[in-house]
Amino acid sequence: LELQRTNSQMERLLKKIPPEVLEE
């Protein structure tokens, strides 16, 4: 559960990254 909370936080940040930046 602790690790899943960290993973969720990382996923939220990933969603904030513009797709073109992520692709680059």
PDB file of all heavy atoms in Angstrom:
ATOM      1  N   LEU A   1       0.834  -1.208   0.000  1.00  0.00           N
ATOM      2  CA  LEU A   1       0.000   0.000   0.000  1.00  0.00           C
ATOM      3  C   LEU A   1       0.866   1.254   0.000  1.00  0.00           C
ATOM      4  O   LEU A   1       0.585   2.222  -0.707  1.00  0.00           O
ATOM      5  CB  LEU A   1      -0.951  -0.001   1.203  1.00  0.00           C
ATOM      6  CG  LEU A   1      -2.146  -0.929   1.082  1.00  0.00           C
ATOM      7  CD1 LEU A   1      -2.916  -0.973   2.401  1.00  0.00           C
ATOM      8  CD2 LEU A   1      -3.059  -0.502  -0.047  1.00  0.00           C
ATOM      9  N   GLU A   2       1.926   1.222   0.779  1.00  0.00           N
ATOM     10  CA  GLU A   2       2.859   2.347   0.810  1.00  0.00           C
ATOM     11  C   GLU A   2       3.490   2.554  -0.567  1.00  0.00           C
ATOM     12  O   GLU A   2       3.571   3.678  -1.070  1.00  0.00           O
ATOM     13  CB  GLU A   2       3.939   2.062   1.863  1.00  0.00           C
ATOM     14  CG  GLU A   2       4.951   3.155   2.041  1.00  0.00           C
ATOM     15  CD  GLU A   2       6.006   2.772   3.082  1.00  0.00           C
ATOM     16  OE1 GLU A   2       5.663   2.129   4.082  1.00  0.00           O
ATOM     17  OE2 GLU A   2       7.170   3.129   2.861  1.00  0.00           O
ATOM     18  N   LEU A   3       3.908   1.464  -1.177  1.00  0.00           N
ATOM     19  CA  LEU A   3       4.516   1.561  -2.504  1.00  0.00           C
ATOM     20  C   LEU A   3       3.496   1.984  -3.559  1.00  0.00           C
ATOM     21  O   LEU A   3       3.814   2.744  -4.470  1.00  0.00           O
ATOM     22  CB  LEU A   3       5.151   0.220  -2.888  1.00  0.00           C
ATOM     23  CG  LEU A   3       6.371  -0.177  -2.046  1.00  0.00           C
ATOM     24  CD1 LEU A   3       6.768  -1.602  -2.350  1.00  0.00           C
ATOM     25  CD2 LEU A   3       7.525   0.774  -2.266  1.00  0.00           C
ATOM     26  N   GLN A   4       2.253   1.530  -3.432  1.00  0.00           N
ATOM     27  CA  GLN A   4       1.221   1.923  -4.384  1.00  0.00           C
ATOM     28  C   GLN A   4       0.907   3.414  -4.276  1.00  0.00           C
ATOM     29  O   GLN A   4       0.633   4.067  -5.275  1.00  0.00           O
ATOM     30  CB  GLN A   4      -0.052   1.084  -4.191  1.00  0.00           C
ATOM     31  CG  GLN A   4       0.114  -0.316  -4.726  1.00  0.00           C
ATOM     32  CD  GLN A   4      -1.040  -1.236  -4.365  1.00  0.00           C
ATOM     33  OE1 GLN A   4      -1.743  -1.033  -3.386  1.00  0.00           O
ATOM     34  NE2 GLN A   4      -1.223  -2.277  -5.167  1.00  0.00           N
ATOM     35  N   ARG A   5       0.968   3.955  -3.059  1.00  0.00           N
ATOM     36  CA  ARG A   5       0.770   5.410  -2.894  1.00  0.00           C
ATOM     37  C   ARG A   5       1.865   6.171  -3.639  1.00  0.00           C
ATOM     38  O   ARG A   5       1.603   7.150  -4.338  1.00  0.00           O
ATOM     39  CB  ARG A   5       0.759   5.790  -1.416  1.00  0.00           C
ATOM     40  CG  ARG A   5      -0.581   5.610  -0.736  1.00  0.00           C
ATOM     41  CD  ARG A   5      -0.615   6.289   0.623  1.00  0.00           C
ATOM     42  NE  ARG A   5       0.342   5.726   1.565  1.00  0.00           N
ATOM     43  CZ  ARG A   5       0.095   4.695   2.365  1.00  0.00           C
ATOM     44  NH1 ARG A   5      -1.079   4.112   2.342  1.00  0.00           N
ATOM     45  NH2 ARG A   5       1.010   4.262   3.191  1.00  0.00           N
ATOM     46  N   THR A   6       3.105   5.704  -3.484  1.00  0.00           N
ATOM     47  CA  THR A   6       4.209   6.337  -4.203  1.00  0.00           C
ATOM     48  C   THR A   6       4.008   6.204  -5.706  1.00  0.00           C
ATOM     49  O   THR A   6       4.196   7.164  -6.461  1.00  0.00           O
ATOM     50  CB  THR A   6       5.555   5.697  -3.785  1.00  0.00           C
ATOM     51  OG1 THR A   6       5.738   5.900  -2.387  1.00  0.00           O
ATOM     52  CG2 THR A   6       6.712   6.311  -4.542  1.00  0.00           C
ATOM     53  N   ASN A   7       3.592   5.029  -6.143  1.00  0.00           N
ATOM     54  CA  ASN A   7       3.364   4.799  -7.570  1.00  0.00           C
ATOM     55  C   ASN A   7       2.260   5.728  -8.092  1.00  0.00           C
ATOM     56  O   ASN A   7       2.386   6.296  -9.184  1.00  0.00           O
ATOM     57  CB  ASN A   7       3.005   3.332  -7.813  1.00  0.00           C
ATOM     58  CG  ASN A   7       3.030   2.965  -9.267  1.00  0.00           C
ATOM     59  OD1 ASN A   7       3.959   3.319  -9.987  1.00  0.00           O
ATOM     60  ND2 ASN A   7       2.020   2.273  -9.724  1.00  0.00           N
ATOM     61  N   SER A   8       1.192   5.909  -7.334  1.00  0.00           N
ATOM     62  CA  SER A   8       0.099   6.805  -7.740  1.00  0.00           C
ATOM     63  C   SER A   8       0.600   8.234  -7.879  1.00  0.00           C
ATOM     64  O   SER A   8       0.224   8.951  -8.812  1.00  0.00           O
ATOM     65  CB  SER A   8      -1.042   6.762  -6.720  1.00  0.00           C
ATOM     66  OG  SER A   8      -1.649   5.511  -6.720  1.00  0.00           O
ATOM     67  N   GLN A   9       1.448   8.641  -6.968  1.00  0.00           N
ATOM     68  CA  GLN A   9       2.018   9.987  -7.031  1.00  0.00           C
ATOM     69  C   GLN A   9       2.834  10.142  -8.317  1.00  0.00           C
ATOM     70  O   GLN A   9       2.735  11.165  -9.000  1.00  0.00           O
ATOM     71  CB  GLN A   9       2.895  10.218  -5.797  1.00  0.00           C
ATOM     72  CG  GLN A   9       3.450  11.605  -5.682  1.00  0.00           C
ATOM     73  CD  GLN A   9       4.290  11.759  -4.418  1.00  0.00           C
ATOM     74  OE1 GLN A   9       4.817  10.788  -3.878  1.00  0.00           O
ATOM     75  NE2 GLN A   9       4.432  12.967  -3.956  1.00  0.00           N
ATOM     76  N   MET A  10       3.611   9.120  -8.651  1.00  0.00           N
ATOM     77  CA  MET A  10       4.420   9.172  -9.865  1.00  0.00           C
ATOM     78  C   MET A  10       3.514   9.216 -11.107  1.00  0.00           C
ATOM     79  O   MET A  10       3.785   9.963 -12.049  1.00  0.00           O
ATOM     80  CB  MET A  10       5.330   7.942  -9.963  1.00  0.00           C
ATOM     81  CG  MET A  10       6.297   7.755  -8.824  1.00  0.00           C
ATOM     82  SD  MET A  10       7.331   9.182  -8.501  1.00  0.00           S
ATOM     83  CE  MET A  10       7.393   9.112  -6.739  1.00  0.00           C
ATOM     84  N   GLU A  11       2.444   8.440 -11.091  1.00  0.00           N
ATOM     85  CA  GLU A  11       1.527   8.429 -12.231  1.00  0.00           C
ATOM     86  C   GLU A  11       0.854   9.797 -12.406  1.00  0.00           C
ATOM     87  O   GLU A  11       0.657  10.253 -13.531  1.00  0.00           O
ATOM     88  CB  GLU A  11       0.468   7.339 -12.050  1.00  0.00           C
ATOM     89  CG  GLU A  11       1.024   5.948 -12.271  1.00  0.00           C
ATOM     90  CD  GLU A  11       0.025   4.850 -11.963  1.00  0.00           C
ATOM     91  OE1 GLU A  11      -1.090   5.138 -11.479  1.00  0.00           O
ATOM     92  OE2 GLU A  11       0.374   3.680 -12.209  1.00  0.00           O
ATOM     93  N   ARG A  12       0.504  10.452 -11.286  1.00  0.00           N
ATOM     94  CA  ARG A  12      -0.099  11.794 -11.387  1.00  0.00           C
ATOM     95  C   ARG A  12       0.867  12.769 -12.046  1.00  0.00           C
ATOM     96  O   ARG A  12       0.467  13.582 -12.869  1.00  0.00           O
ATOM     97  CB  ARG A  12      -0.521  12.301 -10.007  1.00  0.00           C
ATOM     98  CG  ARG A  12      -1.799  11.667  -9.493  1.00  0.00           C
ATOM     99  CD  ARG A  12      -2.347  12.392  -8.279  1.00  0.00           C
ATOM    100  NE  ARG A  12      -1.425  12.449  -7.161  1.00  0.00           N
ATOM    101  CZ  ARG A  12      -1.288  11.497  -6.255  1.00  0.00           C
ATOM    102  NH1 ARG A  12      -2.006  10.397  -6.321  1.00  0.00           N
ATOM    103  NH2 ARG A  12      -0.436  11.637  -5.252  1.00  0.00           N
ATOM    104  N   LEU A  13       2.145  12.685 -11.687  1.00  0.00           N
ATOM    105  CA  LEU A  13       3.127  13.576 -12.308  1.00  0.00           C
ATOM    106  C   LEU A  13       3.288  13.243 -13.783  1.00  0.00           C
ATOM    107  O   LEU A  13       3.357  14.141 -14.620  1.00  0.00           O
ATOM    108  CB  LEU A  13       4.482  13.484 -11.599  1.00  0.00           C
ATOM    109  CG  LEU A  13       5.595  14.357 -12.191  1.00  0.00           C
ATOM    110  CD1 LEU A  13       5.208  15.829 -12.193  1.00  0.00           C
ATOM    111  CD2 LEU A  13       6.883  14.163 -11.436  1.00  0.00           C
ATOM    112  N   LEU A  14       3.320  11.961 -14.114  1.00  0.00           N
ATOM    113  CA  LEU A  14       3.445  11.566 -15.518  1.00  0.00           C
ATOM    114  C   LEU A  14       2.307  12.147 -16.358  1.00  0.00           C
ATOM    115  O   LEU A  14       2.519  12.572 -17.492  1.00  0.00           O
ATOM    116  CB  LEU A  14       3.441  10.040 -15.651  1.00  0.00           C
ATOM    117  CG  LEU A  14       4.771   9.341 -15.440  1.00  0.00           C
ATOM    118  CD1 LEU A  14       4.575   7.833 -15.443  1.00  0.00           C
ATOM    119  CD2 LEU A  14       5.786   9.738 -16.485  1.00  0.00           C
ATOM    120  N   LYS A  15       1.103  12.183 -15.804  1.00  0.00           N
ATOM    121  CA  LYS A  15      -0.048  12.723 -16.534  1.00  0.00           C
ATOM    122  C   LYS A  15       0.080  14.224 -16.771  1.00  0.00           C
ATOM    123  O   LYS A  15      -0.510  14.763 -17.695  1.00  0.00           O
ATOM    124  CB  LYS A  15      -1.343  12.417 -15.783  1.00  0.00           C
ATOM    125  CG  LYS A  15      -1.721  10.956 -15.854  1.00  0.00           C
ATOM    126  CD  LYS A  15      -2.969  10.664 -15.050  1.00  0.00           C
ATOM    127  CE  LYS A  15      -3.248   9.163 -15.066  1.00  0.00           C
ATOM    128  NZ  LYS A  15      -4.382   8.824 -14.215  1.00  0.00           N
ATOM    129  N   LYS A  16       0.846  14.907 -15.927  1.00  0.00           N
ATOM    130  CA  LYS A  16       1.033  16.352 -16.070  1.00  0.00           C
ATOM    131  C   LYS A  16       2.073  16.702 -17.129  1.00  0.00           C
ATOM    132  O   LYS A  16       2.144  17.831 -17.576  1.00  0.00           O
ATOM    133  CB  LYS A  16       1.456  16.971 -14.732  1.00  0.00           C
ATOM    134  CG  LYS A  16       0.377  16.939 -13.689  1.00  0.00           C
ATOM    135  CD  LYS A  16       0.873  17.540 -12.393  1.00  0.00           C
ATOM    136  CE  LYS A  16      -0.165  17.436 -11.303  1.00  0.00           C
ATOM    137  NZ  LYS A  16       0.334  17.995 -10.033  1.00  0.00           N
ATOM    138  N   ILE A  17       2.893  15.731 -17.506  1.00  0.00           N
ATOM    139  CA  ILE A  17       3.951  15.986 -18.482  1.00  0.00           C
ATOM    140  C   ILE A  17       3.313  16.016 -19.870  1.00  0.00           C
ATOM    141  O   ILE A  17       2.630  15.076 -20.254  1.00  0.00           O
ATOM    142  CB  ILE A  17       5.037  14.902 -18.417  1.00  0.00           C
ATOM    143  CG1 ILE A  17       5.684  14.879 -17.027  1.00  0.00           C
ATOM    144  CG2 ILE A  17       6.097  15.126 -19.493  1.00  0.00           C
ATOM    145  CD1 ILE A  17       6.585  13.686 -16.802  1.00  0.00           C
ATOM    146  N   PRO A  18       3.526  17.088 -20.623  1.00  0.00           N
ATOM    147  CA  PRO A  18       2.965  17.152 -21.976  1.00  0.00           C
ATOM    148  C   PRO A  18       3.448  15.965 -22.812  1.00  0.00           C
ATOM    149  O   PRO A  18       4.610  15.569 -22.723  1.00  0.00           O
ATOM    150  CB  PRO A  18       3.518  18.472 -22.534  1.00  0.00           C
ATOM    151  CG  PRO A  18       3.886  19.274 -21.338  1.00  0.00           C
ATOM    152  CD  PRO A  18       4.281  18.291 -20.284  1.00  0.00           C
ATOM    153  N   PRO A  19       2.553  15.393 -23.643  1.00  0.00           N
ATOM    154  CA  PRO A  19       2.904  14.203 -24.435  1.00  0.00           C
ATOM    155  C   PRO A  19       4.145  14.394 -25.294  1.00  0.00           C
ATOM    156  O   PRO A  19       4.960  13.488 -25.424  1.00  0.00           O
ATOM    157  CB  PRO A  19       1.670  13.963 -25.306  1.00  0.00           C
ATOM    158  CG  PRO A  19       0.555  14.657 -24.602  1.00  0.00           C
ATOM    159  CD  PRO A  19       1.166  15.788 -23.839  1.00  0.00           C
ATOM    160  N   GLU A  20       4.316  15.585 -25.876  1.00  0.00           N
ATOM    161  CA  GLU A  20       5.476  15.799 -26.736  1.00  0.00           C
ATOM    162  C   GLU A  20       6.777  15.777 -25.925  1.00  0.00           C
ATOM    163  O   GLU A  20       7.812  15.320 -26.397  1.00  0.00           O
ATOM    164  CB  GLU A  20       5.345  17.099 -27.538  1.00  0.00           C
ATOM    165  CG  GLU A  20       5.285  18.365 -26.720  1.00  0.00           C
ATOM    166  CD  GLU A  20       3.888  18.727 -26.199  1.00  0.00           C
ATOM    167  OE1 GLU A  20       2.934  17.956 -26.410  1.00  0.00           O
ATOM    168  OE2 GLU A  20       3.779  19.789 -25.566  1.00  0.00           O
ATOM    169  N   VAL A  21       6.730  16.251 -24.685  1.00  0.00           N
ATOM    170  CA  VAL A  21       7.916  16.232 -23.826  1.00  0.00           C
ATOM    171  C   VAL A  21       8.219  14.785 -23.434  1.00  0.00           C
ATOM    172  O   VAL A  21       9.373  14.348 -23.475  1.00  0.00           O
ATOM    173  CB  VAL A  21       7.695  17.109 -22.570  1.00  0.00           C
ATOM    174  CG1 VAL A  21       8.840  16.936 -21.586  1.00  0.00           C
ATOM    175  CG2 VAL A  21       7.538  18.568 -22.972  1.00  0.00           C
ATOM    176  N   LEU A  22       7.199  14.037 -23.095  1.00  0.00           N
ATOM    177  CA  LEU A  22       7.363  12.639 -22.734  1.00  0.00           C
ATOM    178  C   LEU A  22       7.951  11.847 -23.898  1.00  0.00           C
ATOM    179  O   LEU A  22       8.864  11.039 -23.726  1.00  0.00           O
ATOM    180  CB  LEU A  22       6.006  12.064 -22.329  1.00  0.00           C
ATOM    181  CG  LEU A  22       5.979  10.842 -21.447  1.00  0.00           C
ATOM    182  CD1 LEU A  22       6.813  11.029 -20.199  1.00  0.00           C
ATOM    183  CD2 LEU A  22       4.552  10.499 -21.085  1.00  0.00           C
ATOM    184  N   GLU A  23       7.457  12.106 -25.084  1.00  0.00           N
ATOM    185  CA  GLU A  23       7.960  11.427 -26.279  1.00  0.00           C
ATOM    186  C   GLU A  23       9.432  11.769 -26.512  1.00  0.00           C
ATOM    187  O   GLU A  23      10.245  10.901 -26.826  1.00  0.00           O
ATOM    188  CB  GLU A  23       7.120  11.842 -27.492  1.00  0.00           C
ATOM    189  CG  GLU A  23       7.426  11.042 -28.738  1.00  0.00           C
ATOM    190  CD  GLU A  23       6.505  11.422 -29.891  1.00  0.00           C
ATOM    191  OE1 GLU A  23       5.300  11.583 -29.658  1.00  0.00           O
ATOM    192  OE2 GLU A  23       7.030  11.566 -31.009  1.00  0.00           O
ATOM    193  N   GLU A  24       9.778  13.034 -26.335  1.00  0.00           N
ATOM    194  CA  GLU A  24      11.170  13.472 -26.512  1.00  0.00           C
ATOM    195  C   GLU A  24      12.085  12.764 -25.510  1.00  0.00           C
ATOM    196  O   GLU A  24      13.174  12.296 -25.861  1.00  0.00           O
ATOM    197  CB  GLU A  24      11.241  14.991 -26.312  1.00  0.00           C
ATOM    198  CG  GLU A  24      12.608  15.577 -26.576  1.00  0.00           C
ATOM    199  CD  GLU A  24      12.616  17.094 -26.414  1.00  0.00           C
ATOM    200  OE1 GLU A  24      11.589  17.744 -26.645  1.00  0.00           O
ATOM    201  OE2 GLU A  24      13.689  17.614 -26.045  1.00  0.00           O
TER     202      GLU A  24
END
